[in-house]
C-alpha atoms as a PDB file:
ATOM      1  CA  MET A   1     -14.202  -3.423  10.734  1.00  0.00           C
ATOM      2  CA  LYS A   2     -12.905  -1.722   7.620  1.00  0.00           C
ATOM      3  CA  ILE A   3     -10.097  -3.075   5.456  1.00  0.00           C
ATOM      4  CA  PHE A   4      -8.487  -1.521   2.406  1.00  0.00           C
ATOM      5  CA  LYS A   5      -7.566  -2.517  -1.126  1.00  0.00           C
ATOM      6  CA  ILE A   6      -5.369  -0.490  -3.457  1.00  0.00           C
ATOM      7  CA  LEU A   7      -6.265  -1.109  -7.080  1.00  0.00           C
ATOM      8  CA  SER A   8      -5.974   0.567 -10.440  1.00  0.00           C
ATOM      9  CA  THR A   9      -8.787   2.396 -12.161  1.00  0.00           C
ATOM     10  CA  LEU A  10      -8.596  -0.229 -14.930  1.00  0.00           C
ATOM     11  CA  GLN A  11      -9.005  -3.069 -12.423  1.00  0.00           C
ATOM     12  CA  TRP A  12     -12.050  -1.332 -10.933  1.00  0.00           C
ATOM     13  CA  ALA A  13     -13.556  -0.788 -14.381  1.00  0.00           C
ATOM     14  CA  GLU A  14     -13.144  -4.513 -15.123  1.00  0.00           C
ATOM     15  CA  ALA A  15     -14.761  -5.395 -11.778  1.00  0.00           C
ATOM     16  CA  GLN A  16     -17.730  -3.184 -12.619  1.00  0.00           C
ATOM     17  CA  LYS A  17     -18.147  -4.933 -15.978  1.00  0.00           C
ATOM     18  CA  ILE A  18     -18.366  -8.385 -14.395  1.00  0.00           C
ATOM     19  CA  GLY A  19     -19.962  -7.365 -11.083  1.00  0.00           C
ATOM     20  CA  ARG A  20     -17.154  -8.695  -8.844  1.00  0.00           C
ATOM     21  CA  PHE A  21     -13.491  -7.957  -8.181  1.00  0.00           C
ATOM     22  CA  LEU A  22     -11.467 -11.054  -9.005  1.00  0.00           C
ATOM     23  CA  GLY A  23      -8.158  -9.543  -7.890  1.00  0.00           C
ATOM     24  CA  ALA A  24      -5.077  -7.885  -9.276  1.00  0.00           C
ATOM     25  CA  PRO A  25      -2.509 -10.065 -11.073  1.00  0.00           C
ATOM     26  CA  VAL A  26      -0.589 -10.606  -7.812  1.00  0.00           C
ATOM     27  CA  ASP A  27      -3.799 -11.654  -6.053  1.00  0.00           C
ATOM     28  CA  ILE A  28      -4.639 -14.156  -8.765  1.00  0.00           C
ATOM     29  CA  ALA A  29      -1.095 -15.562  -8.689  1.00  0.00           C
ATOM     30  CA  ASP A  30      -1.187 -15.918  -4.880  1.00  0.00           C
ATOM     31  CA  GLY A  31      -4.675 -17.458  -4.796  1.00  0.00           C
ATOM     32  CA  PHE A  32      -6.278 -14.771  -2.629  1.00  0.00           C
ATOM     33  CA  ILE A  33      -7.006 -11.035  -2.667  1.00  0.00           C
ATOM     34  CA  HIS A  34      -4.582  -9.032  -0.556  1.00  0.00           C
ATOM     35  CA  PHE A  35      -6.037  -6.376   1.753  1.00  0.00           C
ATOM     36  CA  SER A  36      -4.547  -4.165   4.458  1.00  0.00           C
ATOM     37  CA  THR A  37      -5.837  -2.766   7.722  1.00  0.00           C
ATOM     38  CA  ALA A  38      -5.839   0.988   8.323  1.00  0.00           C
ATOM     39  CA  GLU A  39      -2.543   0.592  10.161  1.00  0.00           C
ATOM     40  CA  GLN A  40      -0.941  -1.320   7.269  1.00  0.00           C
ATOM     41  CA  VAL A  41      -2.225   0.309   4.086  1.00  0.00           C
ATOM     42  CA  GLU A  42       0.225   3.198   3.867  1.00  0.00           C
ATOM     43  CA  GLU A  43       3.219   0.864   4.206  1.00  0.00           C
ATOM     44  CA  THR A  44       1.632  -1.415   1.592  1.00  0.00           C
ATOM     45  CA  ALA A  45       1.384   1.541  -0.792  1.00  0.00           C
ATOM     46  CA  HIS A  46       5.021   2.523  -0.156  1.00  0.00           C
ATOM     47  CA  LYS A  47       6.293  -1.018  -0.648  1.00  0.00           C
ATOM     48  CA  HIS A  48       4.199  -2.187  -3.609  1.00  0.00           C
ATOM     49  CA  PHE A  49       2.754   0.875  -5.385  1.00  0.00           C
ATOM     50  CA  ARG A  50       5.352   3.658  -5.228  1.00  0.00           C
ATOM     51  CA  GLY A  51       5.404   5.624  -8.472  1.00  0.00           C
ATOM     52  CA  GLN A  52       2.144   4.147  -9.788  1.00  0.00           C
ATOM     53  CA  ASP A  53      -0.473   6.703 -10.736  1.00  0.00           C
ATOM     54  CA  GLY A  54      -4.153   6.124 -11.449  1.00  0.00           C
ATOM     55  CA  LEU A  55      -4.780   4.182  -8.239  1.00  0.00           C
ATOM     56  CA  LEU A  56      -7.884   3.946  -6.084  1.00  0.00           C
ATOM     57  CA  LEU A  57      -8.325   3.182  -2.409  1.00  0.00           C
ATOM     58  CA  ALA A  58     -11.301   0.949  -1.703  1.00  0.00           C
ATOM     59  CA  THR A  59     -12.674   0.917   1.834  1.00  0.00           C
ATOM     60  CA  VAL A  60     -14.250  -2.498   2.342  1.00  0.00           C
ATOM     61  CA  ASN A  61     -16.633  -3.799   4.998  1.00  0.00           C
ATOM     62  CA  ALA A  62     -14.698  -6.824   6.281  1.00  0.00           C
ATOM     63  CA  ALA A  63     -17.749  -8.399   7.941  1.00  0.00           C
ATOM     64  CA  SER A  64     -19.562  -8.570   4.600  1.00  0.00           C
ATOM     65  CA  LEU A  65     -16.886 -10.903   3.210  1.00  0.00           C
ATOM     66  CA  GLY A  66     -17.743 -13.713   5.625  1.00  0.00           C
ATOM     67  CA  GLU A  67     -15.616 -16.760   6.310  1.00  0.00           C
ATOM     68  CA  ALA A  68     -13.653 -16.389   3.064  1.00  0.00           C
ATOM     69  CA  LEU A  69     -11.721 -13.556   4.756  1.00  0.00           C
ATOM     70  CA  ARG A  70      -8.807 -14.764   6.860  1.00  0.00           C
ATOM     71  CA  TYR A  71      -6.139 -12.893   8.779  1.00  0.00           C
ATOM     72  CA  GLU A  72      -2.784 -14.498   8.078  1.00  0.00           C
ATOM     73  CA  PRO A  73       0.831 -13.690   8.943  1.00  0.00           C
ATOM     74  CA  SER A  74       2.729 -11.781   6.308  1.00  0.00           C
ATOM     75  CA  ARG A  75       5.190  -8.874   6.309  1.00  0.00           C
ATOM     76  CA  GLY A  76       7.073  -8.895   9.616  1.00  0.00           C
ATOM     77  CA  GLY A  77       4.656 -11.412  11.107  1.00  0.00           C
ATOM     78  CA  GLN A  78       1.752  -8.951  10.978  1.00  0.00           C
ATOM     79  CA  LEU A  79      -1.690 -10.422  10.353  1.00  0.00           C
ATOM     80  CA  PHE A  80      -3.033  -9.254   6.999  1.00  0.00           C
ATOM     81  CA  PRO A  81      -6.571  -9.773   5.682  1.00  0.00           C
ATOM     82  CA  HIS A  82      -6.701 -12.190   2.734  1.00  0.00           C
ATOM     83  CA  LEU A  83      -9.879 -12.992   0.823  1.00  0.00           C
ATOM     84  CA  TYR A  84     -10.134 -16.480  -0.628  1.00  0.00           C
ATOM     85  CA  GLY A  85     -12.617 -15.780  -3.377  1.00  0.00           C
ATOM     86  CA  SER A  86     -13.860 -12.808  -5.339  1.00  0.00           C
ATOM     87  CA  MET A  87     -15.023  -9.586  -3.727  1.00  0.00           C
ATOM     88  CA  PRO A  88     -18.624  -8.508  -4.267  1.00  0.00           C
ATOM     89  CA  LEU A  89     -18.761  -4.851  -5.248  1.00  0.00           C
ATOM     90  CA  ASP A  90     -21.376  -4.093  -2.587  1.00  0.00           C
ATOM     91  CA  ALA A  91     -18.695  -4.816   0.050  1.00  0.00           C
ATOM     92  CA  VAL A  92     -16.982  -1.578  -1.018  1.00  0.00           C
ATOM     93  CA  GLU A  93     -18.155   1.242   1.253  1.00  0.00           C
ATOM     94  CA  SER A  94     -16.168   3.942  -0.516  1.00  0.00           C
ATOM     95  CA  LEU A  95     -13.771   4.318  -3.416  1.00  0.00           C
ATOM     96  CA  GLN A  96     -11.433   7.274  -3.558  1.00  0.00           C
ATOM     97  CA  PRO A  97      -8.561   8.355  -5.809  1.00  0.00           C
ATOM     98  CA  LEU A  98      -5.180   7.740  -4.166  1.00  0.00           C
ATOM     99  CA  PRO A  99      -3.162  10.872  -4.940  1.00  0.00           C
ATOM    100  CA  MET A 100       0.525  10.462  -5.711  1.00  0.00           C
ATOM    101  CA  GLN A 101       3.038  13.070  -4.606  1.00  0.00           C
ATOM    102  CA  ALA A 102       6.033  14.261  -6.647  1.00  0.00           C
ATOM    103  CA  ASP A 103       8.309  11.779  -4.825  1.00  0.00           C
ATOM    104  CA  GLY A 104       6.152   8.841  -5.978  1.00  0.00           C
ATOM    105  CA  TYR A 105       4.595   8.183  -2.574  1.00  0.00           C
ATOM    106  CA  HIS A 106       0.843   8.308  -2.128  1.00  0.00           C
ATOM    107  CA  ARG A 107      -0.997  10.746   0.116  1.00  0.00           C
ATOM    108  CA  PHE A 108      -3.391   9.199   2.648  1.00  0.00           C
ATOM    109  CA  ALA A 109      -4.371  12.365   4.522  1.00  0.00           C
ATOM    110  CA  GLY A 110      -8.147  12.407   4.898  1.00  0.00           C
ATOM    111  CA  LEU A 111      -8.621   8.973   3.281  1.00  0.00           C
ATOM    112  CA  LEU A 112      -8.542   6.733   6.353  1.00  0.00           C
ATOM    113  CA  PRO A 113     -10.998   6.643   9.247  1.00  0.00           C
END
């Protein structure tokens, strides 16, 4: 199964320097890395990233994260993937720019399986 992480180009550059993604500031504050499923990621972008440019969409192999990945209730009772630990970079299957439209929303056409 594939899950998705929206992150900034600066966060990805930092992850590459240290060889692991430790999380965005919100992830670190919450104690886990927030991910979304394919069905959730666009709403996540609208709710938390509207108007932010310079973002990337990481497609992550959920199975490679092992038991540290848990699906827990969040927005509206939906089960969201949360990673309790850092993410190894080899779990990322693809990394693509997340284009922002003039209205501040991000375009997902062609980015999701």
